N, C-alpha and C. Protein backbone atom coordinates (compact mmCIF):
# COMPACT_ATOMS: atom_id res chain seq x y z
N UNK A 1 -73.15 -46.15 84.49
CA UNK A 1 -71.95 -46.16 84.13
C UNK A 1 -71.43 -45.83 85.91
N UNK A 2 -70.46 -47.27 86.60
CA UNK A 2 -70.18 -47.40 87.29
C UNK A 2 -69.32 -46.47 87.65
N UNK A 3 -68.76 -46.27 89.21
CA UNK A 3 -68.06 -44.97 89.69
C UNK A 3 -67.47 -45.56 90.93
N UNK A 4 -66.07 -45.21 91.20
CA UNK A 4 -65.78 -45.46 92.83
C UNK A 4 -66.51 -44.57 93.23
N UNK A 5 -66.45 -45.02 94.71
CA UNK A 5 -67.44 -44.09 95.78
C UNK A 5 -66.23 -43.58 96.10
N UNK A 6 -67.55 -42.18 96.43
CA UNK A 6 -66.60 -40.75 96.56
C UNK A 6 -67.28 -40.85 98.34
N UNK A 7 -65.19 -40.16 99.00
CA UNK A 7 -65.33 -40.08 100.63
C UNK A 7 -65.11 -38.35 100.43
N UNK A 8 -65.91 -38.19 101.37
CA UNK A 8 -65.72 -36.58 101.82
C UNK A 8 -65.71 -36.58 103.06
N UNK A 9 -65.78 -34.74 103.61
CA UNK A 9 -66.18 -34.74 105.04
C UNK A 9 -66.29 -33.34 104.51
N UNK A 10 -67.75 -32.86 104.86
CA UNK A 10 -67.88 -31.61 104.48
C UNK A 10 -67.52 -30.80 106.62
N UNK A 11 -67.29 -29.87 106.04
CA UNK A 11 -66.89 -28.74 106.75
C UNK A 11 -67.44 -27.46 106.64
N UNK A 12 -67.21 -26.75 108.30
CA UNK A 12 -67.69 -25.74 108.72
C UNK A 12 -68.64 -24.39 107.71
N UNK A 13 -67.16 -24.44 107.13
CA UNK A 13 -67.43 -23.50 105.53
C UNK A 13 -68.09 -23.72 105.04
N UNK A 14 -67.98 -25.16 104.54
CA UNK A 14 -69.86 -25.48 103.56
C UNK A 14 -71.11 -25.58 104.47
N UNK A 15 -70.92 -25.53 105.37
CA UNK A 15 -71.93 -25.71 105.99
C UNK A 15 -72.81 -24.09 106.46
N UNK A 16 -71.91 -23.24 106.79
CA UNK A 16 -72.20 -21.60 106.20
C UNK A 16 -72.42 -21.00 105.21
N UNK A 17 -72.14 -21.51 103.75
CA UNK A 17 -71.91 -21.45 102.38
C UNK A 17 -73.27 -21.51 102.01
N UNK A 18 -74.12 -23.19 102.62
CA UNK A 18 -74.99 -24.00 102.22
C UNK A 18 -76.37 -22.83 102.64
N UNK A 19 -76.20 -22.74 103.90
CA UNK A 19 -76.69 -21.90 105.53
C UNK A 19 -77.13 -20.24 104.27
N UNK A 20 -76.04 -19.60 103.85
CA UNK A 20 -76.06 -18.68 103.22
C UNK A 20 -76.94 -18.81 102.09
N UNK A 21 -77.67 -19.13 101.59
CA UNK A 21 -77.54 -20.00 99.96
C UNK A 21 -79.15 -20.15 100.18
N UNK A 22 -79.35 -21.17 101.41
CA UNK A 22 -81.20 -20.81 101.48
C UNK A 22 -81.40 -19.53 102.07
N UNK A 23 -80.10 -18.58 102.83
CA UNK A 23 -80.97 -17.75 103.14
C UNK A 23 -81.45 -16.47 102.32
N UNK A 24 -80.90 -16.26 100.69
CA UNK A 24 -80.97 -15.58 100.07
C UNK A 24 -82.05 -16.39 99.29
N UNK A 25 -82.23 -17.72 99.35
CA UNK A 25 -83.06 -17.83 98.43
C UNK A 25 -84.11 -17.90 98.96
N UNK A 26 -84.97 -17.62 100.14
CA UNK A 26 -85.77 -17.19 100.93
C UNK A 26 -86.49 -15.39 100.42
N UNK A 27 -84.88 -15.04 100.90
CA UNK A 27 -85.15 -13.57 100.38
C UNK A 27 -85.87 -12.73 99.33
N UNK A 28 -85.60 -13.59 98.26
CA UNK A 28 -86.10 -13.73 97.25
C UNK A 28 -87.32 -13.27 97.13
N UNK A 29 -88.67 -13.70 98.51
CA UNK A 29 -89.58 -14.00 98.99
C UNK A 29 -89.79 -12.58 99.77
N UNK A 30 -89.16 -12.46 100.63
CA UNK A 30 -89.52 -11.83 101.50
C UNK A 30 -89.25 -10.39 101.51
N UNK A 31 -87.57 -10.07 100.66
CA UNK A 31 -87.18 -8.50 100.58
C UNK A 31 -88.40 -8.13 99.50
N UNK A 32 -88.79 -8.81 98.34
CA UNK A 32 -90.08 -7.87 97.75
C UNK A 32 -91.25 -7.52 98.79
N UNK A 33 -91.69 -8.22 99.28
CA UNK A 33 -93.12 -8.00 100.01
C UNK A 33 -92.55 -6.56 101.74
N UNK A 34 -91.53 -6.39 101.84
CA UNK A 34 -91.03 -5.83 102.48
C UNK A 34 -90.82 -4.55 101.81
N UNK A 35 -90.37 -4.51 100.79
CA UNK A 35 -90.92 -3.82 99.77
C UNK A 35 -91.73 -3.26 99.73
N UNK A 36 -93.17 -3.23 99.20
CA UNK A 36 -94.08 -3.28 99.16
C UNK A 36 -94.93 -3.01 100.08
N UNK A 37 -94.80 -3.51 101.46
CA UNK A 37 -95.64 -3.02 102.66
C UNK A 37 -95.14 -1.72 102.76
N UNK A 38 -93.63 -1.67 102.79
CA UNK A 38 -93.24 0.10 102.99
C UNK A 38 -93.93 1.04 101.79
N UNK A 39 -94.36 0.25 100.71
CA UNK A 39 -94.32 1.63 99.81
C UNK A 39 -96.05 1.61 99.60
N UNK A 40 -96.91 0.65 100.54
CA UNK A 40 -97.78 0.90 101.15
C UNK A 40 -98.64 1.77 101.78
N UNK A 41 -97.40 1.47 102.78
CA UNK A 41 -97.30 2.28 103.83
C UNK A 41 -97.08 3.50 103.99
N UNK A 42 -95.91 3.98 103.23
CA UNK A 42 -96.05 5.26 102.92
C UNK A 42 -97.04 6.11 101.46
N UNK A 43 -97.45 5.36 100.99
CA UNK A 43 -99.17 5.88 100.07
C UNK A 43 -100.43 6.08 101.69
N UNK A 44 -100.57 5.32 102.55
CA UNK A 44 -101.32 5.49 102.83
C UNK A 44 -101.02 6.93 104.21
N UNK A 45 -99.94 6.87 104.19
CA UNK A 45 -99.50 8.49 105.32
C UNK A 45 -99.52 8.79 104.23
N UNK A 46 -99.40 9.26 102.82
CA UNK A 46 -99.78 10.22 102.40
C UNK A 46 -100.43 11.05 102.34
N UNK A 47 -101.29 10.56 101.69
CA UNK A 47 -103.05 10.59 101.91
C UNK A 47 -103.72 10.56 102.68
N UNK A 48 -103.07 10.32 104.04
CA UNK A 48 -104.07 10.86 104.96
C UNK A 48 -103.56 11.70 105.90
N UNK A 49 -102.67 12.92 105.88
CA UNK A 49 -102.41 13.38 105.77
C UNK A 49 -101.57 13.50 106.78
N UNK A 50 -101.20 12.96 107.50
CA UNK A 50 -100.24 12.69 108.67
C UNK A 50 -98.98 12.62 108.12
N UNK A 51 -97.94 13.77 107.86
CA UNK A 51 -97.04 13.96 107.63
C UNK A 51 -96.08 13.88 108.58
N UNK A 52 -95.99 13.83 109.69
CA UNK A 52 -94.84 13.03 110.82
C UNK A 52 -94.91 11.48 110.70
N UNK A 53 -95.88 10.97 110.02
CA UNK A 53 -95.85 9.38 109.77
C UNK A 53 -95.11 8.85 108.38
N UNK A 54 -95.32 9.83 107.75
CA UNK A 54 -94.99 9.69 106.73
C UNK A 54 -93.55 9.50 106.39
N UNK A 55 -92.72 9.78 107.38
CA UNK A 55 -91.24 9.69 107.58
C UNK A 55 -90.53 8.39 108.17
N UNK A 56 -91.83 8.15 109.04
CA UNK A 56 -91.16 6.89 109.67
C UNK A 56 -91.14 5.84 109.22
N UNK A 57 -92.20 5.63 108.17
CA UNK A 57 -92.98 3.82 107.39
C UNK A 57 -90.82 4.45 106.82
N UNK A 58 -90.84 5.35 106.08
CA UNK A 58 -89.66 5.03 105.01
C UNK A 58 -88.13 4.52 105.39
N UNK A 59 -88.29 5.33 107.28
CA UNK A 59 -87.29 5.07 107.63
C UNK A 59 -87.09 3.38 108.53
N UNK A 60 -88.28 3.25 109.14
CA UNK A 60 -88.21 2.17 109.18
C UNK A 60 -88.18 1.12 108.33
N UNK A 61 -88.79 1.12 106.58
CA UNK A 61 -88.70 -0.02 106.37
C UNK A 61 -86.90 0.12 105.65
N UNK A 62 -86.12 0.91 105.92
CA UNK A 62 -84.51 1.03 105.49
C UNK A 62 -83.73 0.24 106.63
N UNK A 63 -84.24 0.42 107.81
CA UNK A 63 -83.67 -0.35 109.06
C UNK A 63 -84.05 -1.75 108.95
N UNK A 64 -85.50 -2.22 108.86
CA UNK A 64 -85.58 -3.37 108.31
C UNK A 64 -84.76 -4.18 107.11
N UNK A 65 -84.74 -3.29 106.01
CA UNK A 65 -83.72 -3.49 104.73
C UNK A 65 -81.98 -4.44 105.09
N UNK A 66 -81.65 -3.19 105.94
CA UNK A 66 -80.61 -3.30 106.80
C UNK A 66 -80.12 -4.86 107.12
N UNK A 67 -81.60 -4.70 108.22
CA UNK A 67 -80.82 -5.97 108.91
C UNK A 67 -81.34 -7.21 108.16
N UNK A 68 -82.17 -7.61 107.38
CA UNK A 68 -82.51 -8.87 106.28
C UNK A 68 -80.96 -8.39 105.71
N UNK A 69 -80.29 -7.76 105.48
CA UNK A 69 -78.99 -7.66 104.48
C UNK A 69 -77.91 -8.56 105.09
N UNK A 70 -77.29 -7.73 106.32
CA UNK A 70 -76.48 -8.35 107.15
C UNK A 70 -76.79 -9.19 107.63
N UNK A 71 -78.02 -9.99 108.02
CA UNK A 71 -77.90 -11.25 108.63
C UNK A 71 -77.28 -11.88 108.54
N UNK A 72 -77.07 -12.58 107.25
CA UNK A 72 -76.49 -14.06 107.06
C UNK A 72 -74.73 -13.10 107.03
N UNK A 73 -74.18 -12.60 107.81
CA UNK A 73 -72.74 -11.70 107.69
C UNK A 73 -72.53 -11.84 108.96
N UNK A 74 -73.41 -11.20 110.11
CA UNK A 74 -73.46 -10.95 111.12
C UNK A 74 -74.01 -12.28 112.13
N UNK A 75 -74.99 -12.51 112.14
CA UNK A 75 -75.74 -13.55 113.10
C UNK A 75 -75.92 -14.83 112.14
N UNK A 76 -76.05 -14.78 110.80
CA UNK A 76 -75.92 -16.44 110.60
C UNK A 76 -74.63 -17.21 111.11
N UNK A 77 -73.35 -16.97 111.00
CA UNK A 77 -72.43 -17.78 111.05
C UNK A 77 -72.52 -17.86 112.21
N UNK A 78 -73.05 -16.95 113.39
CA UNK A 78 -72.68 -17.89 115.28
C UNK A 78 -73.77 -18.90 115.02
N UNK A 79 -74.99 -18.79 114.57
CA UNK A 79 -76.12 -19.97 114.46
C UNK A 79 -75.34 -21.30 113.76
N UNK A 80 -74.89 -21.08 112.85
CA UNK A 80 -74.03 -22.21 112.02
C UNK A 80 -73.67 -22.45 112.34
N UNK A 81 -72.45 -21.79 113.19
CA UNK A 81 -71.18 -23.00 114.00
C UNK A 81 -72.29 -23.64 114.96
N UNK A 82 -72.87 -23.13 115.41
CA UNK A 82 -73.85 -23.84 116.35
C UNK A 82 -74.47 -24.90 116.31
N UNK A 83 -74.99 -25.04 115.54
CA UNK A 83 -76.05 -26.24 114.54
C UNK A 83 -75.16 -27.42 114.22
N UNK A 84 -73.76 -26.54 113.56
CA UNK A 84 -72.86 -27.46 113.41
C UNK A 84 -72.00 -28.41 113.88
N UNK A 85 -72.14 -27.41 115.41
CA UNK A 85 -70.97 -28.68 116.45
C UNK A 85 -72.46 -29.70 116.77
N UNK A 86 -73.45 -29.22 117.10
CA UNK A 86 -74.74 -29.63 117.53
C UNK A 86 -75.05 -31.01 117.17
N UNK A 87 -74.79 -31.12 115.11
CA UNK A 87 -75.12 -32.12 114.87
C UNK A 87 -74.06 -32.90 113.90
N UNK A 88 -73.73 -33.94 114.55
CA UNK A 88 -72.74 -34.65 114.39
C UNK A 88 -72.17 -35.76 113.38
N UNK A 89 -73.70 -35.91 112.08
CA UNK A 89 -73.11 -36.83 111.34
C UNK A 89 -73.15 -35.19 110.22
N UNK A 90 -73.31 -34.04 110.57
CA UNK A 90 -73.10 -33.23 109.22
C UNK A 90 -71.49 -33.54 108.98
N UNK A 91 -70.30 -33.49 109.90
CA UNK A 91 -69.38 -33.67 109.73
C UNK A 91 -68.45 -34.99 109.67
N UNK A 92 -69.44 -36.10 109.80
CA UNK A 92 -68.74 -37.23 110.28
C UNK A 92 -68.09 -37.56 108.04
N UNK A 93 -67.28 -38.09 108.06
CA UNK A 93 -66.66 -38.18 107.02
C UNK A 93 -67.73 -39.66 105.95
N UNK A 94 -68.16 -39.37 104.56
CA UNK A 94 -69.13 -40.30 104.70
C UNK A 94 -68.85 -40.18 102.82
N UNK A 95 -69.34 -41.42 102.60
CA UNK A 95 -68.81 -42.14 100.78
C UNK A 95 -70.03 -41.98 100.81
N UNK A 96 -69.63 -41.20 99.23
CA UNK A 96 -71.16 -41.67 98.17
C UNK A 96 -70.82 -42.27 97.19
N UNK A 97 -71.77 -43.49 97.10
CA UNK A 97 -72.24 -44.18 95.85
C UNK A 97 -72.93 -44.05 94.84
N UNK A 98 -72.88 -44.18 93.72
CA UNK A 98 -73.73 -43.64 92.89
C UNK A 98 -74.13 -45.22 91.95
N UNK A 99 -75.56 -44.62 91.69
CA UNK A 99 -75.91 -45.76 90.69
C UNK A 99 -76.92 -45.67 89.31
N UNK A 100 -77.35 -46.15 88.60
CA UNK A 100 -78.53 -45.73 87.82
C UNK A 100 -80.15 -45.42 88.35
N UNK A 101 -80.39 -46.51 89.49
CA UNK A 101 -81.76 -46.07 90.10
C UNK A 101 -81.17 -44.74 91.22
N UNK A 102 -80.13 -44.67 91.89
CA UNK A 102 -80.17 -43.27 93.00
C UNK A 102 -79.19 -44.11 93.51
N UNK A 103 -78.77 -43.49 94.69
CA UNK A 103 -77.34 -42.92 95.36
C UNK A 103 -77.41 -43.18 96.61
N UNK A 104 -76.28 -43.48 97.70
CA UNK A 104 -76.44 -43.67 98.74
C UNK A 104 -75.10 -43.05 99.69
N UNK A 105 -75.48 -42.79 101.14
CA UNK A 105 -74.03 -42.32 101.84
C UNK A 105 -74.35 -43.22 102.83
N UNK A 106 -73.48 -43.36 102.81
CA UNK A 106 -72.43 -44.49 104.43
C UNK A 106 -71.84 -43.28 104.98
N UNK A 107 -72.01 -43.20 106.45
CA UNK A 107 -71.22 -42.70 107.09
C UNK A 107 -71.52 -43.76 108.20
N UNK A 108 -70.67 -43.12 109.50
CA UNK A 108 -70.34 -43.16 110.77
C UNK A 108 -72.15 -44.29 111.36
N UNK A 109 -72.50 -43.05 111.77
CA UNK A 109 -73.81 -42.43 112.09
C UNK A 109 -74.80 -43.74 111.09
N UNK A 110 -74.38 -43.79 109.75
CA UNK A 110 -75.69 -44.99 109.01
C UNK A 110 -75.49 -45.12 107.81
N UNK A 111 -76.36 -45.56 106.64
CA UNK A 111 -76.55 -46.13 106.06
C UNK A 111 -77.65 -44.87 105.11
N UNK A 112 -78.05 -44.33 104.18
CA UNK A 112 -78.69 -43.96 103.70
C UNK A 112 -79.04 -43.94 102.66
N UNK A 113 -80.00 -44.10 101.48
CA UNK A 113 -80.64 -44.85 100.15
C UNK A 113 -81.41 -43.62 99.92
N UNK A 114 -80.78 -43.00 98.49
CA UNK A 114 -82.10 -42.63 98.38
C UNK A 114 -82.62 -42.73 96.37
N UNK A 115 -83.60 -42.73 95.84
CA UNK A 115 -83.54 -43.04 94.52
C UNK A 115 -83.78 -41.90 93.68
N UNK A 116 -83.22 -41.44 92.68
CA UNK A 116 -83.60 -40.61 91.88
C UNK A 116 -84.82 -40.02 91.36
N UNK A 117 -85.51 -41.14 91.08
CA UNK A 117 -87.30 -40.26 91.29
C UNK A 117 -87.56 -40.18 92.36
N UNK A 118 -87.40 -40.17 93.34
CA UNK A 118 -87.68 -39.78 94.62
C UNK A 118 -87.79 -38.34 95.41
N UNK A 119 -86.86 -38.23 94.42
CA UNK A 119 -86.11 -36.69 94.68
C UNK A 119 -87.28 -35.36 94.30
N UNK A 120 -87.27 -34.40 95.13
CA UNK A 120 -88.14 -33.43 94.35
C UNK A 120 -87.73 -32.19 93.85
N UNK A 121 -86.35 -31.65 94.27
CA UNK A 121 -85.37 -31.12 93.66
C UNK A 121 -84.39 -30.69 93.64
N UNK A 122 -83.96 -30.40 92.85
CA UNK A 122 -82.24 -30.46 92.92
C UNK A 122 -81.60 -28.65 92.80
N UNK A 123 -80.30 -28.50 93.00
CA UNK A 123 -79.95 -27.21 92.72
C UNK A 123 -78.45 -27.01 92.70
N UNK A 124 -77.47 -26.17 91.81
CA UNK A 124 -76.43 -26.02 92.71
C UNK A 124 -75.59 -24.77 92.91
N UNK A 125 -74.81 -24.30 93.61
CA UNK A 125 -74.45 -23.37 94.10
C UNK A 125 -73.11 -22.87 92.76
N UNK A 126 -71.66 -22.25 92.85
CA UNK A 126 -70.41 -21.88 92.21
C UNK A 126 -70.26 -23.42 92.85
N UNK A 127 -70.07 -23.78 94.10
CA UNK A 127 -69.18 -24.68 94.61
C UNK A 127 -69.32 -26.63 94.66
N UNK A 128 -70.92 -25.73 95.05
CA UNK A 128 -71.98 -27.19 95.64
C UNK A 128 -72.94 -27.77 94.71
N UNK A 129 -73.52 -29.13 94.49
CA UNK A 129 -74.90 -29.61 94.27
C UNK A 129 -75.52 -29.91 95.83
N UNK A 130 -76.39 -29.47 95.60
CA UNK A 130 -77.77 -29.47 96.77
C UNK A 130 -78.53 -30.88 95.76
N UNK A 131 -79.46 -31.71 96.76
CA UNK A 131 -80.69 -32.51 96.11
C UNK A 131 -81.34 -32.35 97.48
N UNK A 132 -82.70 -32.27 97.08
CA UNK A 132 -83.95 -32.80 97.78
C UNK A 132 -84.35 -33.88 98.20
N UNK A 133 -83.96 -34.19 99.44
CA UNK A 133 -85.33 -35.81 98.91
C UNK A 133 -86.84 -35.62 99.38
N UNK A 134 -87.20 -34.04 100.10
CA UNK A 134 -88.38 -33.74 100.24
C UNK A 134 -87.91 -31.95 100.58
N UNK A 135 -89.46 -31.85 100.00
CA UNK A 135 -88.98 -29.74 100.80
C UNK A 135 -88.25 -29.55 101.51
N UNK A 136 -88.50 -30.47 103.19
CA UNK A 136 -87.77 -29.80 103.53
C UNK A 136 -86.64 -30.70 104.60
N UNK A 137 -85.90 -31.66 103.60
CA UNK A 137 -84.77 -32.21 103.68
C UNK A 137 -83.80 -31.80 102.83
N UNK A 138 -82.39 -31.39 102.86
CA UNK A 138 -81.98 -31.28 101.77
C UNK A 138 -80.13 -31.81 101.98
N UNK A 139 -79.53 -32.39 100.84
CA UNK A 139 -78.21 -33.13 101.06
C UNK A 139 -76.92 -32.35 100.52
N UNK A 140 -76.34 -31.65 100.37
CA UNK A 140 -75.51 -31.16 99.10
C UNK A 140 -73.91 -31.77 99.95
N UNK A 141 -73.56 -31.92 98.47
CA UNK A 141 -72.24 -32.41 98.05
C UNK A 141 -70.86 -31.11 97.59
N UNK A 142 -69.84 -30.76 98.01
CA UNK A 142 -69.00 -29.82 97.22
C UNK A 142 -68.63 -30.41 95.88
N UNK A 143 -68.92 -29.58 94.97
CA UNK A 143 -68.27 -30.20 93.70
C UNK A 143 -66.88 -30.21 93.67
N UNK A 144 -65.93 -30.18 94.48
CA UNK A 144 -64.69 -30.96 94.39
C UNK A 144 -64.82 -32.36 94.95
N UNK A 145 -65.64 -32.55 96.26
CA UNK A 145 -65.51 -33.85 96.77
C UNK A 145 -65.82 -34.88 95.60
N UNK A 146 -67.18 -34.28 94.92
CA UNK A 146 -68.22 -35.42 93.46
C UNK A 146 -67.21 -35.56 93.32
N UNK A 147 -66.94 -34.55 92.67
CA UNK A 147 -66.37 -34.84 90.80
C UNK A 147 -66.73 -34.59 89.93
N UNK A 148 -66.14 -34.06 88.43
CA UNK A 148 -66.64 -33.61 87.64
C UNK A 148 -67.47 -34.82 86.97
N UNK A 149 -67.05 -35.72 86.54
CA UNK A 149 -67.77 -36.70 86.41
C UNK A 149 -68.60 -37.46 87.04
N UNK A 150 -68.68 -37.51 88.79
CA UNK A 150 -69.89 -37.98 89.08
C UNK A 150 -70.92 -37.07 88.92
N UNK A 151 -70.70 -35.91 88.72
CA UNK A 151 -71.60 -34.73 89.06
C UNK A 151 -72.54 -34.66 87.56
N UNK A 152 -71.11 -35.08 86.70
CA UNK A 152 -72.30 -34.60 85.14
C UNK A 152 -73.10 -35.97 85.16
N UNK A 153 -73.10 -37.10 86.32
CA UNK A 153 -73.79 -38.40 85.59
C UNK A 153 -74.99 -38.36 86.97
N UNK A 154 -74.83 -37.77 87.82
CA UNK A 154 -75.50 -37.27 88.89
C UNK A 154 -76.70 -36.07 88.27
N UNK A 155 -76.31 -34.88 87.42
CA UNK A 155 -77.51 -34.34 86.51
C UNK A 155 -77.93 -34.95 85.34
N UNK A 156 -76.86 -35.87 84.81
CA UNK A 156 -77.71 -36.76 83.94
C UNK A 156 -79.16 -37.48 84.63
N UNK A 157 -78.75 -38.19 86.05
CA UNK A 157 -79.51 -39.36 86.25
C UNK A 157 -81.03 -38.44 86.50
N UNK A 158 -80.78 -37.45 87.37
CA UNK A 158 -82.05 -36.25 88.09
C UNK A 158 -82.45 -35.98 86.99
N UNK A 159 -81.79 -35.48 85.23
CA UNK A 159 -82.99 -34.98 84.62
C UNK A 159 -83.66 -36.01 84.33
N UNK A 160 -83.04 -37.21 83.84
CA UNK A 160 -84.08 -38.67 83.32
C UNK A 160 -84.90 -38.63 84.09
N UNK A 161 -84.82 -38.44 85.15
CA UNK A 161 -86.21 -38.90 86.60
C UNK A 161 -87.27 -38.07 86.38
N UNK A 162 -86.67 -37.17 85.76
CA UNK A 162 -87.99 -35.89 85.38
C UNK A 162 -87.84 -34.75 86.71
N UNK A 163 -86.86 -34.35 86.69
CA UNK A 163 -85.96 -33.52 87.09
C UNK A 163 -85.44 -31.99 86.43
N UNK A 164 -85.99 -32.06 85.16
CA UNK A 164 -85.32 -31.61 84.39
C UNK A 164 -84.61 -30.48 84.37
N UNK A 165 -85.17 -29.15 85.54
CA UNK A 165 -84.34 -27.90 85.98
C UNK A 165 -84.12 -27.88 87.21
N UNK A 166 -82.83 -27.32 87.38
CA UNK A 166 -82.16 -27.21 88.78
C UNK A 166 -83.17 -25.99 89.36
N UNK A 167 -83.72 -26.38 90.71
CA UNK A 167 -84.28 -25.64 91.39
C UNK A 167 -85.60 -25.60 90.88
N UNK A 168 -86.53 -26.43 90.19
CA UNK A 168 -87.32 -26.17 90.06
C UNK A 168 -87.82 -27.55 90.99
N UNK A 169 -89.07 -27.82 91.18
CA UNK A 169 -89.98 -28.76 91.97
C UNK A 169 -90.26 -29.52 91.26
N UNK A 170 -90.40 -30.83 91.38
CA UNK A 170 -90.63 -32.32 90.61
C UNK A 170 -92.62 -31.98 90.53
N UNK A 171 -93.10 -31.75 89.43
CA UNK A 171 -94.65 -31.71 89.38
C UNK A 171 -94.75 -33.38 90.24
N UNK A 172 -95.92 -32.77 90.90
CA UNK A 172 -96.43 -34.13 91.96
C UNK A 172 -97.50 -34.54 90.81
N UNK A 173 -97.85 -36.08 91.13
CA UNK A 173 -98.35 -36.80 89.87
C UNK A 173 -100.39 -36.36 91.02
N UNK A 174 -101.20 -36.27 89.81
CA UNK A 174 -102.81 -35.78 90.17
C UNK A 174 -103.16 -36.54 90.33
């Protein structure tokens, strides 16, 4: 289904939202590990008979949890602003062109082509769609800029290429 190209420009607020989403995704693994470490440390302190250290471990755990929870609201915005200013291509006007085989993004800094069957993952937030050409590289588009019809087509093509579920990695060939 042919579509007219979509022209868009990502703003600092978009960049911050995607960085917060990435942080939350990473915390799904780190926070349970921190809770388990505090629980095992408390258990060891309790059974070792050292009452003083028993109170220090939960306090230390609470401080770590508070730090992890406030990080995306206190420290991440400053870091994201700096990175957004340093990486000019992120804020350039870009044109998204969709095809049956893939999509391309054209901007002043260059032309990037991606095939649907080469993507390793895709996911959605309430206002963005994120595609991963590799585990370390991600491209994001605001749903407003892409539009509902293009977004439905992108989902359809990604699912047809073998990325059946949003958020899951493509199965690697054996």
